[in-house]
């Protein structure tokens, strides 16, 4: 998942950037409204985390303007204590709201919640046939094709693979997968996810024990890589933070 953090507090931005990168997120930074516009247009983030107190910038108006060019989820940060400040932010188009100061775990929970809602909406609107690199998923007929070979999928496998395809090249957490595929409100049974991932790899990968497409980000989740052709040097992703676990 690609994030854009916008705040005049450079120390806060640097701290959050380093921390979120260890969790598998791609993070971009901006410290002014002008920088935010440029980064938003260039990087096309999935989620923008923005302080409303930007100098010489109406942050909420800028978000509404930029969403016309590239739609993204918006989580606003504010020092406002009044309930009407929250009402104003949400009524002005923000997807979520978090008061400063906050703990990192609070921010992460809000990122999970808002991205889960956004991804579920995207998945509902997405076409039944999706192509990611050499892989084509037909969720209407529960089939997957790769290199001219077609395999049948169970309804659950189809829903899971479709979700990964909608979010290709982004990390889907166990919480997000369970919420979308099974409708639970928490991480559920991660062994259940692993079993379905294993079955999908058997139907897609040339060597399921050395996956090239359905990759694991250890301790975080899974991603469907958008490879155009086989890369013999590619290995399953293991995040350094969890490499020893």
C-alpha atoms as a PDB file:
ATOM      1  CA  UNK A   1       0.000   0.000   0.000  1.00  0.00           C
ATOM      2  CA  UNK A   2       1.367   3.425  -0.977  1.00  0.00           C
ATOM      3  CA  UNK A   3       1.079   6.211   1.608  1.00  0.00           C
ATOM      4  CA  UNK A   4       1.664   9.956   1.386  1.00  0.00           C
ATOM      5  CA  UNK A   5       2.283  11.714   4.715  1.00  0.00           C
ATOM      6  CA  UNK A   6       1.820  15.498   4.724  1.00  0.00           C
ATOM      7  CA  UNK A   7       2.756  17.493   7.836  1.00  0.00           C
ATOM      8  CA  UNK A   8       4.829  20.576   8.654  1.00  0.00           C
ATOM      9  CA  UNK A   9       6.402  18.685  11.582  1.00  0.00           C
ATOM     10  CA  UNK A  10       9.381  17.133   9.789  1.00  0.00           C
ATOM     11  CA  UNK A  11      10.521  15.140  12.838  1.00  0.00           C
ATOM     12  CA  UNK A  12       7.095  13.514  13.108  1.00  0.00           C
ATOM     13  CA  UNK A  13       7.015  12.751   9.379  1.00  0.00           C
ATOM     14  CA  UNK A  14      10.498  11.193   9.453  1.00  0.00           C
ATOM     15  CA  UNK A  15       9.630   9.061  12.486  1.00  0.00           C
ATOM     16  CA  UNK A  16       6.361   7.810  10.981  1.00  0.00           C
ATOM     17  CA  UNK A  17       7.993   7.189   7.599  1.00  0.00           C
ATOM     18  CA  UNK A  18      10.743   4.994   9.030  1.00  0.00           C
ATOM     19  CA  UNK A  19       8.313   3.073  11.225  1.00  0.00           C
ATOM     20  CA  UNK A  20       5.698   2.467   8.533  1.00  0.00           C
ATOM     21  CA  UNK A  21       8.365   1.301   6.080  1.00  0.00           C
ATOM     22  CA  UNK A  22       9.371  -1.421   8.550  1.00  0.00           C
ATOM     23  CA  UNK A  23       5.743  -2.624   8.356  1.00  0.00           C
ATOM     24  CA  UNK A  24       5.912  -3.027   4.578  1.00  0.00           C
ATOM     25  CA  UNK A  25       4.325   0.236   3.433  1.00  0.00           C
ATOM     26  CA  UNK A  26       5.676   2.396   0.626  1.00  0.00           C
ATOM     27  CA  UNK A  27       5.816   5.885   2.125  1.00  0.00           C
ATOM     28  CA  UNK A  28       6.244   9.301   0.493  1.00  0.00           C
ATOM     29  CA  UNK A  29       6.569  12.610   2.322  1.00  0.00           C
ATOM     30  CA  UNK A  30       5.548  16.243   1.896  1.00  0.00           C
ATOM     31  CA  UNK A  31       5.859  19.208   4.247  1.00  0.00           C
ATOM     32  CA  UNK A  32       3.857  21.878   2.411  1.00  0.00           C
ATOM     33  CA  UNK A  33       0.666  22.058   0.411  1.00  0.00           C
ATOM     34  CA  UNK A  34       2.642  22.626  -2.792  1.00  0.00           C
ATOM     35  CA  UNK A  35       4.806  19.560  -2.173  1.00  0.00           C
ATOM     36  CA  UNK A  36       1.704  17.541  -1.335  1.00  0.00           C
ATOM     37  CA  UNK A  37       0.051  18.407  -4.651  1.00  0.00           C
ATOM     38  CA  UNK A  38       3.162  17.434  -6.587  1.00  0.00           C
ATOM     39  CA  UNK A  39       3.700  14.149  -4.719  1.00  0.00           C
ATOM     40  CA  UNK A  40       0.004  13.238  -4.928  1.00  0.00           C
ATOM     41  CA  UNK A  41       0.013  13.675  -8.702  1.00  0.00           C
ATOM     42  CA  UNK A  42       3.389  11.985  -9.270  1.00  0.00           C
ATOM     43  CA  UNK A  43       3.135   9.056  -6.840  1.00  0.00           C
ATOM     44  CA  UNK A  44      -0.647   8.425  -6.982  1.00  0.00           C
ATOM     45  CA  UNK A  45      -0.914   7.199  -3.350  1.00  0.00           C
ATOM     46  CA  UNK A  46      -3.590   4.860  -2.038  1.00  0.00           C
ATOM     47  CA  UNK A  47      -3.909   6.797   1.229  1.00  0.00           C
ATOM     48  CA  UNK A  48      -3.011  10.389   2.092  1.00  0.00           C
ATOM     49  CA  UNK A  49      -2.355  11.136   5.773  1.00  0.00           C
ATOM     50  CA  UNK A  50      -2.541  14.920   6.080  1.00  0.00           C
ATOM     51  CA  UNK A  51      -2.371  17.492   8.853  1.00  0.00           C
ATOM     52  CA  UNK A  52      -5.103  20.096   8.392  1.00  0.00           C
ATOM     53  CA  UNK A  53      -2.837  22.892   9.705  1.00  0.00           C
ATOM     54  CA  UNK A  54      -0.723  23.445   6.578  1.00  0.00           C
ATOM     55  CA  UNK A  55       0.640  26.979   6.135  1.00  0.00           C
ATOM     56  CA  UNK A  56      -1.155  28.984   3.440  1.00  0.00           C
ATOM     57  CA  UNK A  57      -3.146  25.881   2.403  1.00  0.00           C
ATOM     58  CA  UNK A  58      -6.736  24.785   2.908  1.00  0.00           C
ATOM     59  CA  UNK A  59      -5.875  21.095   3.287  1.00  0.00           C
ATOM     60  CA  UNK A  60      -9.429  19.813   2.891  1.00  0.00           C
ATOM     61  CA  UNK A  61     -10.072  21.938  -0.209  1.00  0.00           C
ATOM     62  CA  UNK A  62      -6.799  20.706  -1.685  1.00  0.00           C
ATOM     63  CA  UNK A  63      -7.826  17.097  -1.063  1.00  0.00           C
ATOM     64  CA  UNK A  64     -11.143  17.642  -2.841  1.00  0.00           C
ATOM     65  CA  UNK A  65      -9.298  19.215  -5.785  1.00  0.00           C
ATOM     66  CA  UNK A  66      -6.642  16.502  -6.001  1.00  0.00           C
ATOM     67  CA  UNK A  67      -9.165  13.671  -5.822  1.00  0.00           C
ATOM     68  CA  UNK A  68     -10.448  14.781  -9.224  1.00  0.00           C
ATOM     69  CA  UNK A  69      -6.962  14.079 -10.643  1.00  0.00           C
ATOM     70  CA  UNK A  70      -6.270  10.911  -8.634  1.00  0.00           C
ATOM     71  CA  UNK A  71      -8.730   9.567  -6.100  1.00  0.00           C
ATOM     72  CA  UNK A  72      -7.214   8.443  -2.815  1.00  0.00           C
ATOM     73  CA  UNK A  73      -8.360   7.722   0.706  1.00  0.00           C
ATOM     74  CA  UNK A  74      -7.766  10.632   3.088  1.00  0.00           C
ATOM     75  CA  UNK A  75      -6.969  10.385   6.798  1.00  0.00           C
ATOM     76  CA  UNK A  76      -6.712  13.843   8.366  1.00  0.00           C
ATOM     77  CA  UNK A  77      -4.649  14.698  11.437  1.00  0.00           C
ATOM     78  CA  UNK A  78      -5.652  17.671  13.562  1.00  0.00           C
ATOM     79  CA  UNK A  79      -4.995  19.243  16.934  1.00  0.00           C
ATOM     80  CA  UNK A  80      -8.615  20.393  17.105  1.00  0.00           C
ATOM     81  CA  UNK A  81     -10.394  19.409  20.322  1.00  0.00           C
ATOM     82  CA  UNK A  82     -13.899  20.518  19.374  1.00  0.00           C
ATOM     83  CA  UNK A  83     -16.303  17.831  18.173  1.00  0.00           C
ATOM     84  CA  UNK A  84     -17.389  20.219  15.416  1.00  0.00           C
ATOM     85  CA  UNK A  85     -13.850  20.166  14.038  1.00  0.00           C
ATOM     86  CA  UNK A  86     -14.239  16.425  13.514  1.00  0.00           C
ATOM     87  CA  UNK A  87     -17.688  16.941  11.989  1.00  0.00           C
ATOM     88  CA  UNK A  88     -16.297  19.572   9.600  1.00  0.00           C
ATOM     89  CA  UNK A  89     -13.448  17.304   8.454  1.00  0.00           C
ATOM     90  CA  UNK A  90     -15.691  14.311   7.804  1.00  0.00           C
ATOM     91  CA  UNK A  91     -18.419  16.387   6.152  1.00  0.00           C
ATOM     92  CA  UNK A  92     -15.761  17.983   3.926  1.00  0.00           C
ATOM     93  CA  UNK A  93     -14.798  14.628   2.456  1.00  0.00           C
ATOM     94  CA  UNK A  94     -12.178  13.089   4.740  1.00  0.00           C
ATOM     95  CA  UNK A  95     -12.466   9.309   5.108  1.00  0.00           C
ATOM     96  CA  UNK A  96     -11.170   9.258   8.669  1.00  0.00           C
ATOM     97  CA  UNK A  97      -9.990  11.591  11.413  1.00  0.00           C
ATOM     98  CA  UNK A  98      -7.317  11.338  14.109  1.00  0.00           C
ATOM     99  CA  UNK A  99      -6.543  13.902  16.815  1.00  0.00           C
ATOM    100  CA  UNK A 100      -2.995  14.802  17.802  1.00  0.00           C
ATOM    101  CA  UNK A 101      -1.154  13.707  19.812  1.00  0.00           C
ATOM    102  CA  UNK A 102      -1.578  10.010  19.053  1.00  0.00           C
ATOM    103  CA  UNK A 103       0.291   6.771  19.598  1.00  0.00           C
ATOM    104  CA  UNK A 104       1.729   5.011  16.524  1.00  0.00           C
ATOM    105  CA  UNK A 105      -0.527   2.030  17.212  1.00  0.00           C
ATOM    106  CA  UNK A 106      -3.557   4.330  16.976  1.00  0.00           C
ATOM    107  CA  UNK A 107      -2.435   5.598  13.573  1.00  0.00           C
ATOM    108  CA  UNK A 108      -1.851   2.048  12.348  1.00  0.00           C
ATOM    109  CA  UNK A 109      -5.336   1.009  13.484  1.00  0.00           C
ATOM    110  CA  UNK A 110      -6.847   3.921  11.546  1.00  0.00           C
ATOM    111  CA  UNK A 111      -4.782   3.037   8.454  1.00  0.00           C
ATOM    112  CA  UNK A 112      -6.054  -0.546   8.641  1.00  0.00           C
ATOM    113  CA  UNK A 113      -9.659   0.557   9.117  1.00  0.00           C
ATOM    114  CA  UNK A 114      -9.809   3.152   6.358  1.00  0.00           C
ATOM    115  CA  UNK A 115      -7.853   1.041   3.844  1.00  0.00           C
ATOM    116  CA  UNK A 116     -10.062  -1.966   4.576  1.00  0.00           C
ATOM    117  CA  UNK A 117     -13.187   0.049   3.846  1.00  0.00           C
ATOM    118  CA  UNK A 118     -11.646   1.514   0.714  1.00  0.00           C
ATOM    119  CA  UNK A 119     -10.360  -1.794  -0.630  1.00  0.00           C
ATOM    120  CA  UNK A 120     -13.638  -3.569  -0.027  1.00  0.00           C
ATOM    121  CA  UNK A 121     -15.410  -0.839  -2.005  1.00  0.00           C
ATOM    122  CA  UNK A 122     -12.839  -1.141  -4.787  1.00  0.00           C
ATOM    123  CA  UNK A 123     -13.222  -4.897  -4.900  1.00  0.00           C
ATOM    124  CA  UNK A 124     -17.005  -4.617  -5.141  1.00  0.00           C
ATOM    125  CA  UNK A 125     -16.700  -2.226  -8.081  1.00  0.00           C
ATOM    126  CA  UNK A 126     -13.934  -4.104  -9.897  1.00  0.00           C
ATOM    127  CA  UNK A 127     -14.642  -6.215 -13.016  1.00  0.00           C
ATOM    128  CA  UNK A 128     -15.086  -9.980 -12.710  1.00  0.00           C
ATOM    129  CA  UNK A 129     -12.090 -10.594 -15.014  1.00  0.00           C
ATOM    130  CA  UNK A 130      -8.776  -9.086 -13.909  1.00  0.00           C
ATOM    131  CA  UNK A 131      -5.361  -9.535 -15.518  1.00  0.00           C
ATOM    132  CA  UNK A 132      -2.199  -9.080 -13.481  1.00  0.00           C
ATOM    133  CA  UNK A 133       0.917  -9.711 -15.557  1.00  0.00           C
ATOM    134  CA  UNK A 134       0.493 -13.181 -17.117  1.00  0.00           C
ATOM    135  CA  UNK A 135      -2.292 -14.116 -14.677  1.00  0.00           C
ATOM    136  CA  UNK A 136      -5.989 -13.722 -15.533  1.00  0.00           C
ATOM    137  CA  UNK A 137      -8.597 -14.238 -12.816  1.00  0.00           C
ATOM    138  CA  UNK A 138     -12.219 -14.870 -13.787  1.00  0.00           C
ATOM    139  CA  UNK A 139     -14.095 -14.570 -10.509  1.00  0.00           C
ATOM    140  CA  UNK A 140     -17.460 -15.065 -12.191  1.00  0.00           C
ATOM    141  CA  UNK A 141     -16.510 -18.590 -13.355  1.00  0.00           C
ATOM    142  CA  UNK A 142     -13.986 -19.230 -10.538  1.00  0.00           C
ATOM    143  CA  UNK A 143     -11.043 -19.797 -12.874  1.00  0.00           C
ATOM    144  CA  UNK A 144      -7.452 -18.617 -13.134  1.00  0.00           C
ATOM    145  CA  UNK A 145      -5.298 -18.769 -16.263  1.00  0.00           C
ATOM    146  CA  UNK A 146      -1.537 -18.405 -16.602  1.00  0.00           C
ATOM    147  CA  UNK A 147       0.602 -19.087 -19.673  1.00  0.00           C
ATOM    148  CA  UNK A 148      -2.332 -20.707 -21.474  1.00  0.00           C
ATOM    149  CA  UNK A 149      -3.131 -23.093 -18.597  1.00  0.00           C
ATOM    150  CA  UNK A 150      -6.506 -22.721 -16.849  1.00  0.00           C
ATOM    151  CA  UNK A 151      -7.309 -24.037 -13.362  1.00  0.00           C
ATOM    152  CA  UNK A 152     -10.556 -24.168 -11.447  1.00  0.00           C
ATOM    153  CA  UNK A 153     -10.801 -22.280  -8.167  1.00  0.00           C
ATOM    154  CA  UNK A 154     -13.025 -22.821  -5.177  1.00  0.00           C
ATOM    155  CA  UNK A 155     -15.296 -19.821  -4.416  1.00  0.00           C
ATOM    156  CA  UNK A 156     -13.085 -18.897  -1.458  1.00  0.00           C
ATOM    157  CA  UNK A 157      -9.881 -19.194  -3.506  1.00  0.00           C
ATOM    158  CA  UNK A 158     -11.472 -17.084  -6.229  1.00  0.00           C
ATOM    159  CA  UNK A 159     -12.505 -14.365  -3.785  1.00  0.00           C
ATOM    160  CA  UNK A 160      -9.064 -14.316  -2.159  1.00  0.00           C
ATOM    161  CA  UNK A 161      -7.164 -14.194  -5.453  1.00  0.00           C
ATOM    162  CA  UNK A 162      -9.502 -11.534  -6.810  1.00  0.00           C
ATOM    163  CA  UNK A 163      -8.831  -9.404  -3.715  1.00  0.00           C
ATOM    164  CA  UNK A 164      -5.063  -9.786  -4.144  1.00  0.00           C
ATOM    165  CA  UNK A 165      -5.393  -8.916  -7.836  1.00  0.00           C
ATOM    166  CA  UNK A 166      -7.385  -5.750  -7.132  1.00  0.00           C
ATOM    167  CA  UNK A 167      -4.531  -4.713  -4.829  1.00  0.00           C
ATOM    168  CA  UNK A 168      -1.675  -6.067  -6.995  1.00  0.00           C
ATOM    169  CA  UNK A 169       1.802  -4.984  -5.843  1.00  0.00           C
ATOM    170  CA  UNK A 170       0.360  -3.745  -2.538  1.00  0.00           C
ATOM    171  CA  UNK A 171       0.578  -5.683   0.705  1.00  0.00           C
ATOM    172  CA  UNK A 172      -2.764  -7.034   1.965  1.00  0.00           C
ATOM    173  CA  UNK A 173      -2.682  -7.695   5.699  1.00  0.00           C
ATOM    174  CA  UNK A 174      -4.180 -10.792   7.292  1.00  0.00           C
ATOM    175  CA  UNK A 175      -6.844  -8.557   8.870  1.00  0.00           C
ATOM    176  CA  UNK A 176      -7.839  -7.119   5.486  1.00  0.00           C
ATOM    177  CA  UNK A 177      -7.932 -10.545   3.830  1.00  0.00           C
ATOM    178  CA  UNK A 178     -10.098 -12.081   6.534  1.00  0.00           C
ATOM    179  CA  UNK A 179     -12.458  -9.091   6.577  1.00  0.00           C
ATOM    180  CA  UNK A 180     -12.959  -9.253   2.812  1.00  0.00           C
ATOM    181  CA  UNK A 181     -13.025 -13.018   2.225  1.00  0.00           C
ATOM    182  CA  UNK A 182     -14.751 -14.244   5.385  1.00  0.00           C
ATOM    183  CA  UNK A 183     -16.289 -11.050   6.784  1.00  0.00           C
ATOM    184  CA  UNK A 184     -14.735 -11.348  10.236  1.00  0.00           C
ATOM    185  CA  UNK A 185     -13.814  -8.267  12.221  1.00  0.00           C
ATOM    186  CA  UNK A 186     -10.335  -9.410  13.236  1.00  0.00           C
ATOM    187  CA  UNK A 187      -7.345 -11.409  12.000  1.00  0.00           C
ATOM    188  CA  UNK A 188      -9.244 -14.675  12.433  1.00  0.00           C
ATOM    189  CA  UNK A 189      -7.314 -17.889  11.875  1.00  0.00           C
ATOM    190  CA  UNK A 190      -4.104 -17.078   9.988  1.00  0.00           C
ATOM    191  CA  UNK A 191      -3.628 -20.803   9.367  1.00  0.00           C
ATOM    192  CA  UNK A 192      -6.808 -20.677   7.289  1.00  0.00           C
ATOM    193  CA  UNK A 193      -5.291 -17.965   5.090  1.00  0.00           C
ATOM    194  CA  UNK A 194      -2.034 -19.910   4.740  1.00  0.00           C
ATOM    195  CA  UNK A 195      -3.903 -23.021   3.603  1.00  0.00           C
ATOM    196  CA  UNK A 196      -5.713 -21.149   0.836  1.00  0.00           C
ATOM    197  CA  UNK A 197      -2.534 -19.344  -0.221  1.00  0.00           C
ATOM    198  CA  UNK A 198      -0.807 -22.728  -0.467  1.00  0.00           C
ATOM    199  CA  UNK A 199      -3.608 -24.086  -2.675  1.00  0.00           C
ATOM    200  CA  UNK A 200      -3.499 -21.015  -4.915  1.00  0.00           C
ATOM    201  CA  UNK A 201       0.258 -21.342  -5.340  1.00  0.00           C
ATOM    202  CA  UNK A 202      -0.185 -24.942  -6.430  1.00  0.00           C
ATOM    203  CA  UNK A 203      -2.480 -23.718  -9.214  1.00  0.00           C
ATOM    204  CA  UNK A 204      -0.427 -20.689 -10.281  1.00  0.00           C
ATOM    205  CA  UNK A 205       3.238 -21.129  -9.474  1.00  0.00           C
ATOM    206  CA  UNK A 206       5.669 -23.210 -11.528  1.00  0.00           C
ATOM    207  CA  UNK A 207       7.352 -24.067  -8.225  1.00  0.00           C
ATOM    208  CA  UNK A 208       4.941 -23.514  -5.293  1.00  0.00           C
ATOM    209  CA  UNK A 209       7.793 -23.804  -2.786  1.00  0.00           C
ATOM    210  CA  UNK A 210       9.567 -20.887  -4.493  1.00  0.00           C
ATOM    211  CA  UNK A 211       6.674 -18.556  -5.412  1.00  0.00           C
ATOM    212  CA  UNK A 212       7.154 -15.853  -8.012  1.00  0.00           C
ATOM    213  CA  UNK A 213       3.690 -14.274  -7.930  1.00  0.00           C
ATOM    214  CA  UNK A 214       1.868 -14.785  -4.619  1.00  0.00           C
ATOM    215  CA  UNK A 215       4.498 -13.480  -2.213  1.00  0.00           C
ATOM    216  CA  UNK A 216       4.630 -13.371   1.567  1.00  0.00           C
ATOM    217  CA  UNK A 217       5.657 -10.285   3.492  1.00  0.00           C
ATOM    218  CA  UNK A 218       6.496 -12.032   6.741  1.00  0.00           C
ATOM    219  CA  UNK A 219       4.548 -10.776   9.731  1.00  0.00           C
ATOM    220  CA  UNK A 220       2.469  -8.439   7.557  1.00  0.00           C
ATOM    221  CA  UNK A 221       0.516 -10.262   4.849  1.00  0.00           C
ATOM    222  CA  UNK A 222       0.576 -11.170   1.145  1.00  0.00           C
ATOM    223  CA  UNK A 223       0.938  -9.469  -2.204  1.00  0.00           C
ATOM    224  CA  UNK A 224       0.322 -10.489  -5.819  1.00  0.00           C
ATOM    225  CA  UNK A 225       3.341  -9.358  -7.843  1.00  0.00           C
ATOM    226  CA  UNK A 226       2.740  -7.909 -11.270  1.00  0.00           C
ATOM    227  CA  UNK A 227       5.590  -9.702 -13.121  1.00  0.00           C
ATOM    228  CA  UNK A 228       5.491  -9.679 -16.889  1.00  0.00           C
ATOM    229  CA  UNK A 229       7.819 -12.631 -17.172  1.00  0.00           C
ATOM    230  CA  UNK A 230       9.575 -15.176 -14.975  1.00  0.00           C
ATOM    231  CA  UNK A 231      12.528 -13.832 -12.985  1.00  0.00           C
ATOM    232  CA  UNK A 232      14.719 -16.725 -11.738  1.00  0.00           C
ATOM    233  CA  UNK A 233      16.408 -14.454  -9.188  1.00  0.00           C
ATOM    234  CA  UNK A 234      13.199 -13.402  -7.467  1.00  0.00           C
ATOM    235  CA  UNK A 235      12.576 -14.950  -4.078  1.00  0.00           C
ATOM    236  CA  UNK A 236       9.687 -14.859  -1.630  1.00  0.00           C
ATOM    237  CA  UNK A 237       9.662 -11.564   0.235  1.00  0.00           C
ATOM    238  CA  UNK A 238      10.650 -11.819   3.897  1.00  0.00           C
ATOM    239  CA  UNK A 239      10.564  -8.495   5.677  1.00  0.00           C
ATOM    240  CA  UNK A 240      13.816  -7.793   7.568  1.00  0.00           C
ATOM    241  CA  UNK A 241      11.946  -6.851  10.735  1.00  0.00           C
ATOM    242  CA  UNK A 242      10.583 -10.409  10.956  1.00  0.00           C
ATOM    243  CA  UNK A 243      13.325 -12.337   9.179  1.00  0.00           C
ATOM    244  CA  UNK A 244      14.478 -14.043  12.370  1.00  0.00           C
ATOM    245  CA  UNK A 245      11.003 -15.114  13.495  1.00  0.00           C
END
